[in-house]
């Protein structure tokens, strides 16, 4: 074989290899997108009963008590955790001592070293001007003898952080307890960017840097019909993010739909979140006017709600669950 023949052969093999990789990737994306969605029809199950919970920006299912939910308000409100029943019933609230609600934008429940915690994400930054933002981790509160929650609680630890590429508005924060990481998803960048940092830094009194992981390019851009909507060209902005307790699935909420990502084997979130997700349609009416909170429930279902007084609470049951009569 001459030198020229060798170069030609190498080029042909290289083109074949690249084409094969693209074909395999394209097939994997088409296969994932063609899979039936993992959830049945959305059911309205109640309303957020706490009278002061008017701007729900984070929702989490308790890791300590079945049927218990936690929620938070966003900026300008008191630093309170609101306890709710499985259908949104008011079960009291607990104040978080020593912190402010500058712009609480998400809430995550997780288990760490055998104990149940809630992570409050004070990471909202609409104008991208905050020099640092905070995460507050509190032990999940216990109810009183009457089953209601009241009083105050102190964070077990707090994290001050900066994004490595400058201030970012962020409304989606999730905890990967298996990997001991916090994942943060930017809102106003196009495409959204995923960041990560340690859940329990060795020195929580030091500034932490949230490192870029990957751009999330698979959330569909707004179409012509979206432009007539109240959120218009912003309908694809992520407003909430959660990881299932077993670490095998994640969900991203936007002003339009939710998107489900399944994690295979021991793959990283970097890989799982760049695969084409399953689209989960949500009611596009006044029942969810400003959807900014979603979470996996204690089973495989999803819960979603909106800002607003007595906002509606919806549940999407897993198809693996028995159908309701």
Protein backbone atom coordinates (compact mmCIF):
# COMPACT_ATOMS: atom_id res chain seq x y z
CA UNK A 1 0.00 0.00 0.00
CA UNK A 2 1.42 3.38 -0.99
CA UNK A 3 1.49 6.37 1.36
CA UNK A 4 -1.34 8.00 -0.61
CA UNK A 5 -3.44 4.84 -0.43
CA UNK A 6 -2.87 4.69 3.32
CA UNK A 7 -4.03 8.30 3.77
CA UNK A 8 -7.11 7.66 1.65
CA UNK A 9 -7.94 4.49 3.58
CA UNK A 10 -7.51 6.32 6.92
CA UNK A 11 -9.81 9.07 5.74
CA UNK A 12 -12.47 6.62 4.62
CA UNK A 13 -12.30 4.74 7.92
CA UNK A 14 -12.47 8.02 9.85
CA UNK A 15 -15.57 9.14 7.94
CA UNK A 16 -17.15 5.73 8.49
CA UNK A 17 -16.39 5.86 12.21
CA UNK A 18 -17.86 9.37 12.62
CA UNK A 19 -20.95 8.39 10.61
CA UNK A 20 -21.41 5.29 12.74
CA UNK A 21 -21.18 7.31 15.96
CA UNK A 22 -23.66 9.88 14.65
CA UNK A 23 -26.02 7.12 13.51
CA UNK A 24 -25.84 5.38 16.90
CA UNK A 25 -26.42 8.63 18.75
CA UNK A 26 -29.30 9.56 16.47
CA UNK A 27 -30.85 6.12 16.95
CA UNK A 28 -30.54 6.37 20.76
CA UNK A 29 -32.23 9.77 20.73
CA UNK A 30 -35.04 8.57 18.46
CA UNK A 31 -35.54 5.46 20.57
CA UNK A 32 -35.73 7.47 23.81
CA UNK A 33 -38.13 9.98 22.28
CA UNK A 34 -40.35 7.24 20.85
CA UNK A 35 -40.73 5.46 24.17
CA UNK A 36 -44.19 5.90 25.70
CA UNK A 37 -44.10 8.52 28.42
CA UNK A 38 -43.69 7.04 31.88
CA UNK A 39 -46.72 8.91 33.23
CA UNK A 40 -50.46 8.78 32.77
CA UNK A 41 -52.87 11.71 32.51
CA UNK A 42 -52.34 14.65 34.86
CA UNK A 43 -54.72 14.64 37.84
CA UNK A 44 -55.70 17.67 39.89
CA UNK A 45 -55.49 16.46 43.48
CA UNK A 46 -55.90 19.63 45.53
CA UNK A 47 -54.64 23.12 46.28
CA UNK A 48 -51.85 24.61 48.36
CA UNK A 49 -53.66 25.27 51.61
CA UNK A 50 -51.18 27.52 53.43
CA UNK A 51 -52.54 31.06 53.19
CA UNK A 52 -49.06 32.63 53.10
CA UNK A 53 -47.80 30.30 50.38
CA UNK A 54 -48.62 32.58 47.46
CA UNK A 55 -45.46 32.32 45.33
CA UNK A 56 -44.49 28.66 45.49
CA UNK A 57 -41.08 28.32 43.88
CA UNK A 58 -39.96 24.98 45.29
CA UNK A 59 -41.65 21.69 46.18
CA UNK A 60 -40.21 18.53 47.75
CA UNK A 61 -41.59 15.24 49.07
CA UNK A 62 -40.53 14.35 52.62
CA UNK A 63 -37.91 11.65 53.09
CA UNK A 64 -39.08 11.19 56.68
CA UNK A 65 -42.89 11.01 56.46
CA UNK A 66 -45.04 9.44 53.73
CA UNK A 67 -47.58 11.84 52.26
CA UNK A 68 -45.84 14.98 53.55
CA UNK A 69 -44.75 17.75 51.22
CA UNK A 70 -42.61 20.84 51.75
CA UNK A 71 -42.75 24.11 49.82
CA UNK A 72 -41.13 27.55 49.82
CA UNK A 73 -41.99 31.03 48.56
CA UNK A 74 -39.62 33.02 46.40
CA UNK A 75 -38.08 36.49 46.90
CA UNK A 76 -39.47 39.05 49.30
CA UNK A 77 -41.12 36.51 51.57
CA UNK A 78 -40.26 35.19 55.01
CA UNK A 79 -37.63 32.40 55.33
CA UNK A 80 -40.29 29.75 55.99
CA UNK A 81 -40.70 26.10 55.12
CA UNK A 82 -44.37 25.24 54.53
CA UNK A 83 -45.60 21.75 55.42
CA UNK A 84 -48.41 20.33 53.28
CA UNK A 85 -50.47 17.17 53.20
CA UNK A 86 -50.47 14.87 50.19
CA UNK A 87 -53.26 16.95 48.62
CA UNK A 88 -51.84 20.31 49.63
CA UNK A 89 -53.52 20.63 53.03
CA UNK A 90 -51.94 23.20 55.37
CA UNK A 91 -49.91 21.49 58.09
CA UNK A 92 -48.09 24.51 59.47
CA UNK A 93 -44.71 26.10 58.82
CA UNK A 94 -41.20 26.27 60.25
CA UNK A 95 -38.95 29.34 60.17
CA UNK A 96 -35.29 28.99 59.20
CA UNK A 97 -33.11 30.92 61.66
CA UNK A 98 -30.21 33.14 60.69
CA UNK A 99 -30.90 33.33 56.94
CA UNK A 100 -32.78 35.61 54.56
CA UNK A 101 -35.04 34.81 51.67
CA UNK A 102 -33.21 36.90 49.10
CA UNK A 103 -34.64 34.81 46.27
CA UNK A 104 -35.48 31.22 47.23
CA UNK A 105 -36.07 29.42 43.94
CA UNK A 106 -36.06 25.69 44.61
CA UNK A 107 -36.22 23.07 47.33
CA UNK A 108 -34.81 19.53 47.44
CA UNK A 109 -35.32 16.67 49.89
CA UNK A 110 -32.56 14.10 50.37
CA UNK A 111 -31.02 11.61 52.77
CA UNK A 112 -27.42 12.01 53.91
CA UNK A 113 -25.63 9.63 56.24
CA UNK A 114 -28.94 8.16 57.34
CA UNK A 115 -30.66 11.49 58.13
CA UNK A 116 -33.37 13.37 56.23
CA UNK A 117 -32.61 16.92 55.08
CA UNK A 118 -34.07 19.74 53.01
CA UNK A 119 -31.91 21.94 50.81
CA UNK A 120 -33.17 25.50 50.32
CA UNK A 121 -31.74 27.12 47.18
CA UNK A 122 -31.39 30.90 47.53
CA UNK A 123 -30.03 31.19 43.99
CA UNK A 124 -32.44 33.44 42.10
CA UNK A 125 -30.72 36.34 40.33
CA UNK A 126 -32.93 37.81 37.58
CA UNK A 127 -30.43 40.51 36.60
CA UNK A 128 -27.31 38.37 37.19
CA UNK A 129 -25.83 40.83 39.68
CA UNK A 130 -25.45 38.83 42.91
CA UNK A 131 -21.73 38.33 43.70
CA UNK A 132 -22.63 35.11 45.52
CA UNK A 133 -25.69 32.99 46.27
CA UNK A 134 -26.47 30.51 49.05
CA UNK A 135 -27.68 27.00 49.70
CA UNK A 136 -29.05 26.19 53.17
CA UNK A 137 -29.32 22.59 54.37
CA UNK A 138 -31.67 21.98 57.30
CA UNK A 139 -32.61 18.77 59.10
CA UNK A 140 -36.11 17.87 58.04
CA UNK A 141 -38.39 19.22 60.82
CA UNK A 142 -40.50 17.04 63.08
CA UNK A 143 -44.19 17.74 63.78
CA UNK A 144 -45.73 18.50 67.14
CA UNK A 145 -47.93 16.04 68.99
CA UNK A 146 -50.92 17.32 67.02
CA UNK A 147 -49.22 16.54 63.70
CA UNK A 148 -48.66 20.20 62.80
CA UNK A 149 -45.35 21.93 62.19
CA UNK A 150 -44.33 25.14 63.94
CA UNK A 151 -41.36 26.90 65.50
CA UNK A 152 -37.92 27.40 63.99
CA UNK A 153 -34.92 25.41 62.85
CA UNK A 154 -31.23 26.19 62.29
CA UNK A 155 -29.34 25.09 59.17
CA UNK A 156 -27.03 22.10 59.62
CA UNK A 157 -24.75 23.80 57.12
CA UNK A 158 -24.88 26.54 54.49
CA UNK A 159 -22.90 26.97 51.29
CA UNK A 160 -21.96 30.28 49.69
CA UNK A 161 -21.16 29.82 46.03
CA UNK A 162 -20.22 31.55 42.82
CA UNK A 163 -20.67 30.25 39.30
CA UNK A 164 -17.32 29.79 37.62
CA UNK A 165 -18.32 31.91 34.61
CA UNK A 166 -20.00 34.75 36.48
CA UNK A 167 -23.42 35.44 38.06
CA UNK A 168 -26.31 33.34 36.75
CA UNK A 169 -30.02 33.32 37.39
CA UNK A 170 -30.93 29.83 38.55
CA UNK A 171 -34.31 28.30 39.48
CA UNK A 172 -33.55 24.60 39.19
CA UNK A 173 -31.52 22.85 41.91
CA UNK A 174 -31.36 19.12 42.66
CA UNK A 175 -29.37 16.84 44.97
CA UNK A 176 -27.63 13.68 43.78
CA UNK A 177 -27.22 12.02 47.15
CA UNK A 178 -25.49 8.95 45.68
CA UNK A 179 -22.69 11.12 44.30
CA UNK A 180 -22.80 13.74 47.10
CA UNK A 181 -23.37 16.58 44.66
CA UNK A 182 -25.66 19.55 44.14
CA UNK A 183 -26.65 20.18 40.52
CA UNK A 184 -27.77 23.66 39.44
CA UNK A 185 -29.43 24.60 36.15
CA UNK A 186 -29.23 28.14 34.78
CA UNK A 187 -32.46 29.77 33.65
CA UNK A 188 -31.79 32.76 31.39
CA UNK A 189 -28.90 31.40 29.34
CA UNK A 190 -29.53 29.84 25.95
CA UNK A 191 -29.06 26.94 26.12
CA UNK A 192 -29.34 26.32 29.87
CA UNK A 193 -26.11 25.27 31.56
CA UNK A 194 -25.75 22.55 34.21
CA UNK A 195 -23.33 23.21 37.10
CA UNK A 196 -22.24 21.10 40.06
CA UNK A 197 -20.55 21.44 43.44
CA UNK A 198 -20.09 19.24 46.53
CA UNK A 199 -23.10 18.71 48.73
CA UNK A 200 -20.95 18.69 51.88
CA UNK A 201 -17.79 20.71 51.24
CA UNK A 202 -14.79 20.01 53.46
CA UNK A 203 -14.82 23.69 54.45
CA UNK A 204 -18.37 25.08 54.28
CA UNK A 205 -17.06 28.42 55.56
CA UNK A 206 -15.13 28.91 52.30
CA UNK A 207 -16.57 30.17 49.00
CA UNK A 208 -17.46 27.28 46.71
CA UNK A 209 -17.27 27.38 42.92
CA UNK A 210 -20.07 25.81 40.88
CA UNK A 211 -18.35 24.21 37.89
CA UNK A 212 -19.85 23.92 34.41
CA UNK A 213 -20.85 20.39 33.46
CA UNK A 214 -22.68 20.64 30.14
CA UNK A 215 -25.11 22.72 28.09
CA UNK A 216 -28.64 21.30 27.96
CA UNK A 217 -29.52 21.65 24.28
CA UNK A 218 -32.42 19.21 24.09
CA UNK A 219 -35.23 21.34 25.54
CA UNK A 220 -37.32 22.43 22.52
CA UNK A 221 -37.22 26.13 21.68
CA UNK A 222 -40.50 28.07 21.65
CA UNK A 223 -42.48 27.71 18.43
CA UNK A 224 -44.77 30.16 16.67
CA UNK A 225 -47.73 29.27 18.89
CA UNK A 226 -45.64 29.88 22.02
CA UNK A 227 -44.97 33.48 21.01
CA UNK A 228 -48.64 34.32 21.62
CA UNK A 229 -48.42 32.94 25.18
CA UNK A 230 -47.90 35.23 28.18
CA UNK A 231 -44.34 33.87 28.58
CA UNK A 232 -43.72 33.95 24.82
CA UNK A 233 -40.09 33.33 23.89
CA UNK A 234 -39.29 32.50 27.52
CA UNK A 235 -41.45 29.34 27.64
CA UNK A 236 -38.40 27.07 27.44
CA UNK A 237 -36.66 28.56 30.48
CA UNK A 238 -36.12 25.96 33.25
CA UNK A 239 -37.99 26.85 36.43
CA UNK A 240 -37.44 23.72 38.56
CA UNK A 241 -35.34 20.56 38.64
CA UNK A 242 -35.45 17.34 40.68
CA UNK A 243 -33.69 13.98 40.86
CA UNK A 244 -35.59 10.87 41.93
CA UNK A 245 -34.50 9.34 45.24
CA UNK A 246 -32.98 6.29 43.54
CA UNK A 247 -30.87 8.51 41.27
CA UNK A 248 -32.25 6.86 38.11
CA UNK A 249 -34.35 9.73 36.76
CA UNK A 250 -34.46 13.52 36.67
CA UNK A 251 -37.12 16.02 35.66
CA UNK A 252 -36.80 19.59 34.40
CA UNK A 253 -39.80 21.92 34.48
CA UNK A 254 -40.29 24.87 32.12
CA UNK A 255 -43.08 27.39 31.63
CA UNK A 256 -44.44 25.05 28.93
CA UNK A 257 -43.77 21.38 29.69
CA UNK A 258 -41.78 19.06 31.90
CA UNK A 259 -38.99 16.83 30.55
CA UNK A 260 -38.04 13.43 31.93
CA UNK A 261 -34.48 12.10 31.70
CA UNK A 262 -33.68 8.46 32.46
CA UNK A 263 -30.21 7.51 33.68
CA UNK A 264 -28.79 4.19 32.51
CA UNK A 265 -26.38 2.05 34.51
CA UNK A 266 -23.56 4.03 36.04
CA UNK A 267 -23.57 6.82 33.48
CA UNK A 268 -23.03 10.43 34.52
CA UNK A 269 -25.68 13.13 34.59
CA UNK A 270 -23.61 14.87 31.92
CA UNK A 271 -24.46 12.02 29.56
CA UNK A 272 -28.01 11.35 30.77
CA UNK A 273 -29.08 14.99 30.48
CA UNK A 274 -27.77 15.37 26.95
CA UNK A 275 -29.95 12.49 25.68
CA UNK A 276 -33.27 13.53 24.19
CA UNK A 277 -35.85 13.54 27.05
CA UNK A 278 -39.42 12.36 27.19
CA UNK A 279 -41.81 15.32 27.01
CA UNK A 280 -44.49 15.48 29.71
CA UNK A 281 -47.40 17.70 28.67
CA UNK A 282 -49.03 19.85 31.34
CA UNK A 283 -52.35 21.75 31.47
CA UNK A 284 -51.92 24.95 29.47
CA UNK A 285 -54.53 27.05 31.21
CA UNK A 286 -55.23 29.14 34.31
CA UNK A 287 -54.75 26.14 36.61
CA UNK A 288 -50.96 26.36 36.18
CA UNK A 289 -50.40 30.00 35.24
CA UNK A 290 -46.76 30.23 36.40
CA UNK A 291 -45.39 26.74 36.96
CA UNK A 292 -42.22 26.96 39.03
CA UNK A 293 -42.22 23.87 41.27
CA UNK A 294 -42.02 20.15 40.52
CA UNK A 295 -40.80 17.07 42.38
CA UNK A 296 -40.92 13.31 42.41
CA UNK A 297 -43.29 12.11 45.10
CA UNK A 298 -42.58 9.31 47.56
CA UNK A 299 -43.25 6.76 44.80
CA UNK A 300 -42.55 7.14 41.07
CA UNK A 301 -45.11 9.87 40.43
CA UNK A 302 -44.57 13.58 39.86
CA UNK A 303 -46.13 16.57 41.59
CA UNK A 304 -46.32 20.04 40.03
CA UNK A 305 -47.75 23.37 41.15
CA UNK A 306 -47.71 27.06 40.33
CA UNK A 307 -47.36 30.45 41.92
CA UNK A 308 -50.60 32.03 43.11
CA UNK A 309 -52.95 32.05 46.09
CA UNK A 310 -54.33 28.54 46.74
CA UNK A 311 -52.48 27.30 43.66
CA UNK A 312 -53.59 23.99 42.17
CA UNK A 313 -51.58 20.85 42.92
CA UNK A 314 -51.34 18.23 40.16
CA UNK A 315 -50.06 14.66 40.24
CA UNK A 316 -48.81 12.57 37.35
CA UNK A 317 -49.01 8.89 38.37
CA UNK A 318 -46.43 6.47 37.04
CA UNK A 319 -47.78 3.99 34.52
CA UNK A 320 -46.44 1.27 36.81
CA UNK A 321 -48.95 2.26 39.48
CA UNK A 322 -52.41 0.60 39.53
CA UNK A 323 -54.97 2.79 37.74
CA UNK A 324 -57.39 4.63 40.00
CA UNK A 325 -60.93 3.25 39.87
